[in-house]
Amino acid sequence: MEEEENSQLLNQTNDIQTHAVKRKRHDSDNPTYTQAIEGRDKDEWERAIEIELKQLDDEGVIHLNETIDKPPKSATVLGSMYVLKKKRDVINGSVVKFKARLVALGNRQPPNTYVDIKSGTAKASSFKLLLAIQASTQAKAITIDVKGA
């Protein structure tokens, strides 16, 4: 009897997980590139993608409108994809921004080819230390939003 209940619970859990995956795939706030470009918000998504590409070009991460020769045989060439998201107002739920990010498909990178790659992120403990110092010295804390961080 207990085994049968566990089996039913497992099936329900699997159904919920499957539903969650399917729902996320078709979530209009997080569309795929194809869904976005073929959807009713096509113009807004194209603007968001254009802004992202210009920002990456300005920062020297990519070079738009530049002919590039074949990469050297020793180079590891990774694909990329867009991560698209509608940012909504917390109060009324209206869309306030269409956001696009071009991300590398690092999961396809061969092992031992990424030893020199750095990603500057702070550890949570470092951030907590700074907040503790701020609180103990009663210093004023401000927040900023860094575009393209």
Foldseek 3Di string as FASTA:
>chain_A
DVVVVVVVVVVVVVVVVVVVVVCVAPPPQWYFPVCCCPDPNNVQQVVQVVVQVVVCCVVVVDPPPDDDDDDDPPDDDWDKGKTWGFDADPPPGHGDHIHIHIGTPCVPTDPPPCPPDDDDDDDPVVVVVVVVVCVVVVPDDDDDDDPPD
